[in-house]
Amino acid sequence: MGYGEAKKLLLEKIDAYFGPARVRRKELAANPQQVEEVLKRGAQKARAEAQQTMALGARGGRYESAERRVMVACADSERHRSAALRR
C-alpha cells in the first residue's frame, strides 16, 4: 500500500468517525435560537446551584469565605509563634 492509498483510507476513517458530529453541528448552526435557549437554561440551572452553594457558606457550612480562612490561618500562626516563644 502506498502513501496515497493510506491517506485515502485514513480520510475515510476520519469522515466516518466525525461525520455524525459534523451533521449535528450543521443542524445547530441552522437554528441559533435553539442553541441560545439551551445555553440560557443551562445558565439558569448553574446560577441556582451556585446560589445554593453560596447559601451554605453564609450559614457557616463547610464553605468559608477566603477572608475568614486567612484570619484563622493568621491566628493559628500567631498562637504557634507565641507558644514557641514561651518554651
N, C-alpha and C. Protein backbone atom coordinates (compact mmCIF):
# COMPACT_ATOMS: atom_id res chain seq x y z
N MET A 1 0.85 -1.17 0.00
CA MET A 1 0.00 0.00 0.00
C MET A 1 0.89 1.23 0.00
N GLY A 2 0.60 2.14 -0.88
CA GLY A 2 1.37 3.36 -0.98
C GLY A 2 0.81 4.47 -0.11
N TYR A 3 1.54 5.58 -0.09
CA TYR A 3 1.16 6.73 0.72
C TYR A 3 -0.21 7.26 0.33
N GLY A 4 -0.47 7.41 -0.95
CA GLY A 4 -1.74 7.94 -1.43
C GLY A 4 -2.92 7.09 -1.01
N GLU A 5 -2.75 5.77 -1.11
CA GLU A 5 -3.83 4.86 -0.72
C GLU A 5 -4.05 4.89 0.79
N ALA A 6 -2.97 4.93 1.56
CA ALA A 6 -3.09 5.00 3.02
C ALA A 6 -3.79 6.29 3.45
N LYS A 7 -3.42 7.38 2.76
CA LYS A 7 -4.03 8.67 3.08
C LYS A 7 -5.54 8.63 2.78
N LYS A 8 -5.91 8.01 1.69
CA LYS A 8 -7.32 7.91 1.32
C LYS A 8 -8.09 7.09 2.36
N LEU A 9 -7.52 5.98 2.81
CA LEU A 9 -8.16 5.15 3.83
C LEU A 9 -8.30 5.92 5.15
N LEU A 10 -7.26 6.66 5.50
CA LEU A 10 -7.31 7.45 6.74
C LEU A 10 -8.42 8.50 6.67
N LEU A 11 -8.53 9.18 5.55
CA LEU A 11 -9.58 10.20 5.40
C LEU A 11 -10.97 9.57 5.48
N GLU A 12 -11.14 8.39 4.94
CA GLU A 12 -12.42 7.69 5.03
C GLU A 12 -12.76 7.39 6.49
N LYS A 13 -11.76 6.94 7.24
CA LYS A 13 -11.98 6.64 8.67
C LYS A 13 -12.33 7.92 9.44
N ILE A 14 -11.61 9.00 9.15
CA ILE A 14 -11.87 10.28 9.82
C ILE A 14 -13.28 10.76 9.49
N ASP A 15 -13.66 10.69 8.23
CA ASP A 15 -15.01 11.12 7.83
C ASP A 15 -16.08 10.26 8.50
N ALA A 16 -15.85 8.97 8.58
CA ALA A 16 -16.83 8.08 9.22
C ALA A 16 -16.96 8.40 10.71
N TYR A 17 -15.83 8.69 11.36
CA TYR A 17 -15.85 8.96 12.80
C TYR A 17 -16.49 10.31 13.12
N PHE A 18 -16.10 11.35 12.38
CA PHE A 18 -16.58 12.70 12.67
C PHE A 18 -17.84 13.08 11.90
N GLY A 19 -18.30 12.26 10.99
CA GLY A 19 -19.48 12.57 10.19
C GLY A 19 -20.71 12.94 11.01
N PRO A 20 -21.09 12.11 11.99
CA PRO A 20 -22.27 12.45 12.79
C PRO A 20 -22.13 13.80 13.52
N ALA A 21 -20.96 14.10 14.01
CA ALA A 21 -20.75 15.37 14.70
C ALA A 21 -20.86 16.54 13.72
N ARG A 22 -20.38 16.35 12.53
CA ARG A 22 -20.49 17.41 11.51
C ARG A 22 -21.95 17.67 11.15
N VAL A 23 -22.73 16.60 11.03
CA VAL A 23 -24.16 16.75 10.71
C VAL A 23 -24.86 17.49 11.85
N ARG A 24 -24.57 17.12 13.08
CA ARG A 24 -25.20 17.77 14.24
C ARG A 24 -24.82 19.24 14.31
N ARG A 25 -23.56 19.55 14.02
CA ARG A 25 -23.13 20.94 14.05
C ARG A 25 -23.87 21.77 13.02
N LYS A 26 -24.08 21.20 11.83
CA LYS A 26 -24.84 21.91 10.80
C LYS A 26 -26.28 22.16 11.24
N GLU A 27 -26.87 21.16 11.90
CA GLU A 27 -28.24 21.32 12.41
C GLU A 27 -28.30 22.45 13.43
N LEU A 28 -27.34 22.49 14.34
CA LEU A 28 -27.31 23.53 15.37
C LEU A 28 -27.04 24.90 14.76
N ALA A 29 -26.16 24.96 13.78
CA ALA A 29 -25.84 26.23 13.12
C ALA A 29 -27.06 26.78 12.38
N ALA A 30 -27.93 25.90 11.93
CA ALA A 30 -29.13 26.33 11.21
C ALA A 30 -30.19 26.88 12.16
N ASN A 31 -30.06 26.63 13.47
CA ASN A 31 -31.06 27.09 14.43
C ASN A 31 -30.39 27.74 15.64
N PRO A 32 -29.81 28.92 15.48
CA PRO A 32 -29.10 29.55 16.59
C PRO A 32 -30.01 29.92 17.77
N GLN A 33 -31.30 30.14 17.52
CA GLN A 33 -32.21 30.46 18.62
C GLN A 33 -32.33 29.28 19.58
N GLN A 34 -32.36 28.08 19.04
CA GLN A 34 -32.45 26.88 19.88
C GLN A 34 -31.18 26.75 20.73
N VAL A 35 -30.04 26.98 20.11
CA VAL A 35 -28.77 26.91 20.84
C VAL A 35 -28.76 27.94 21.97
N GLU A 36 -29.19 29.15 21.67
CA GLU A 36 -29.22 30.21 22.68
C GLU A 36 -30.15 29.84 23.84
N GLU A 37 -31.28 29.25 23.54
CA GLU A 37 -32.23 28.85 24.58
C GLU A 37 -31.64 27.76 25.47
N VAL A 38 -30.97 26.80 24.88
CA VAL A 38 -30.33 25.74 25.67
C VAL A 38 -29.26 26.34 26.58
N LEU A 39 -28.48 27.27 26.05
CA LEU A 39 -27.45 27.92 26.87
C LEU A 39 -28.06 28.72 28.01
N LYS A 40 -29.17 29.40 27.76
CA LYS A 40 -29.85 30.17 28.82
C LYS A 40 -30.37 29.26 29.92
N ARG A 41 -30.97 28.14 29.53
CA ARG A 41 -31.48 27.19 30.53
C ARG A 41 -30.33 26.63 31.37
N GLY A 42 -29.22 26.31 30.72
CA GLY A 42 -28.06 25.81 31.45
C GLY A 42 -27.51 26.84 32.41
N ALA A 43 -27.48 28.10 31.99
CA ALA A 43 -27.00 29.17 32.86
C ALA A 43 -27.93 29.34 34.06
N GLN A 44 -29.23 29.23 33.86
CA GLN A 44 -30.18 29.35 34.97
C GLN A 44 -29.97 28.22 35.98
N LYS A 45 -29.77 27.01 35.49
CA LYS A 45 -29.52 25.88 36.39
C LYS A 45 -28.22 26.07 37.17
N ALA A 46 -27.19 26.52 36.47
CA ALA A 46 -25.89 26.73 37.13
C ALA A 46 -26.00 27.84 38.17
N ARG A 47 -26.72 28.91 37.85
CA ARG A 47 -26.90 30.02 38.78
C ARG A 47 -27.63 29.56 40.05
N ALA A 48 -28.68 28.75 39.87
CA ALA A 48 -29.43 28.24 41.02
C ALA A 48 -28.54 27.36 41.90
N GLU A 49 -27.75 26.52 41.28
CA GLU A 49 -26.83 25.65 42.04
C GLU A 49 -25.79 26.49 42.78
N ALA A 50 -25.25 27.49 42.12
CA ALA A 50 -24.25 28.35 42.75
C ALA A 50 -24.85 29.11 43.93
N GLN A 51 -26.08 29.56 43.80
CA GLN A 51 -26.72 30.28 44.90
C GLN A 51 -26.92 29.37 46.11
N GLN A 52 -27.27 28.11 45.87
CA GLN A 52 -27.41 27.16 46.98
C GLN A 52 -26.07 26.93 47.66
N THR A 53 -25.03 26.80 46.88
CA THR A 53 -23.69 26.59 47.44
C THR A 53 -23.25 27.80 48.25
N MET A 54 -23.49 28.98 47.73
CA MET A 54 -23.11 30.19 48.44
C MET A 54 -23.92 30.35 49.72
N ALA A 55 -25.17 29.91 49.72
CA ALA A 55 -26.01 29.99 50.91
C ALA A 55 -25.45 29.09 52.00
N LEU A 56 -24.86 27.97 51.64
CA LEU A 56 -24.23 27.11 52.64
C LEU A 56 -23.12 27.85 53.37
N GLY A 57 -22.32 28.57 52.63
CA GLY A 57 -21.22 29.33 53.23
C GLY A 57 -21.73 30.44 54.12
N ALA A 58 -22.82 31.08 53.73
CA ALA A 58 -23.39 32.17 54.53
C ALA A 58 -23.94 31.64 55.84
N ARG A 59 -24.35 30.40 55.89
CA ARG A 59 -24.89 29.81 57.12
C ARG A 59 -23.81 29.11 57.94
N GLY A 60 -22.55 29.29 57.56
CA GLY A 60 -21.48 28.66 58.32
C GLY A 60 -21.28 27.21 57.97
N GLY A 61 -21.66 26.83 56.78
CA GLY A 61 -21.47 25.46 56.32
C GLY A 61 -19.99 25.20 56.08
N ARG A 62 -19.71 24.20 55.29
CA ARG A 62 -18.30 23.85 55.09
C ARG A 62 -17.59 24.83 54.17
N TYR A 63 -18.32 25.72 53.52
CA TYR A 63 -17.71 26.71 52.65
C TYR A 63 -17.51 28.00 53.43
N GLU A 64 -16.29 28.38 53.64
CA GLU A 64 -15.99 29.61 54.35
C GLU A 64 -15.49 30.65 53.36
N SER A 65 -15.59 31.89 53.75
CA SER A 65 -15.06 32.94 52.88
C SER A 65 -13.54 32.89 52.91
N ALA A 66 -12.94 33.37 51.87
CA ALA A 66 -11.47 33.42 51.81
C ALA A 66 -10.93 34.30 52.92
N GLU A 67 -11.62 35.40 53.20
CA GLU A 67 -11.18 36.31 54.27
C GLU A 67 -11.15 35.59 55.61
N ARG A 68 -12.18 34.80 55.90
CA ARG A 68 -12.23 34.08 57.18
C ARG A 68 -11.10 33.05 57.26
N ARG A 69 -10.82 32.35 56.18
CA ARG A 69 -9.74 31.36 56.19
C ARG A 69 -8.40 32.03 56.46
N VAL A 70 -8.19 33.21 55.87
CA VAL A 70 -6.93 33.93 56.10
C VAL A 70 -6.84 34.35 57.57
N MET A 71 -7.94 34.85 58.13
CA MET A 71 -7.93 35.29 59.53
C MET A 71 -7.63 34.13 60.45
N VAL A 72 -8.22 32.97 60.20
CA VAL A 72 -7.98 31.79 61.03
C VAL A 72 -6.53 31.35 60.90
N ALA A 73 -6.01 31.33 59.69
CA ALA A 73 -4.61 30.93 59.48
C ALA A 73 -3.66 31.86 60.20
N CYS A 74 -3.93 33.17 60.15
CA CYS A 74 -3.07 34.13 60.84
C CYS A 74 -3.13 33.93 62.34
N ALA A 75 -4.32 33.70 62.88
CA ALA A 75 -4.47 33.49 64.32
C ALA A 75 -3.74 32.23 64.75
N ASP A 76 -3.86 31.15 63.97
CA ASP A 76 -3.16 29.91 64.28
C ASP A 76 -1.65 30.12 64.27
N SER A 77 -1.17 30.85 63.28
CA SER A 77 0.25 31.12 63.17
C SER A 77 0.74 31.91 64.38
N GLU A 78 -0.03 32.90 64.79
CA GLU A 78 0.34 33.72 65.95
C GLU A 78 0.36 32.87 67.22
N ARG A 79 -0.61 31.99 67.39
CA ARG A 79 -0.64 31.11 68.58
C ARG A 79 0.58 30.20 68.60
N HIS A 80 0.94 29.64 67.46
CA HIS A 80 2.11 28.75 67.41
C HIS A 80 3.39 29.53 67.71
N ARG A 81 3.50 30.73 67.20
CA ARG A 81 4.69 31.56 67.45
C ARG A 81 4.79 31.91 68.94
N SER A 82 3.65 32.28 69.54
CA SER A 82 3.65 32.61 70.97
C SER A 82 4.00 31.42 71.81
N ALA A 83 3.47 30.26 71.46
CA ALA A 83 3.76 29.04 72.22
C ALA A 83 5.24 28.68 72.12
N ALA A 84 5.83 28.86 70.95
CA ALA A 84 7.23 28.56 70.76
C ALA A 84 8.11 29.50 71.58
N LEU A 85 7.72 30.76 71.69
CA LEU A 85 8.49 31.73 72.47
C LEU A 85 8.40 31.46 73.96
N ARG A 86 7.31 30.89 74.41
CA ARG A 86 7.13 30.59 75.85
C ARG A 86 7.94 29.39 76.27
N ARG A 87 8.36 28.58 75.36
CA ARG A 87 9.09 27.34 75.72
C ARG A 87 10.46 27.62 76.16
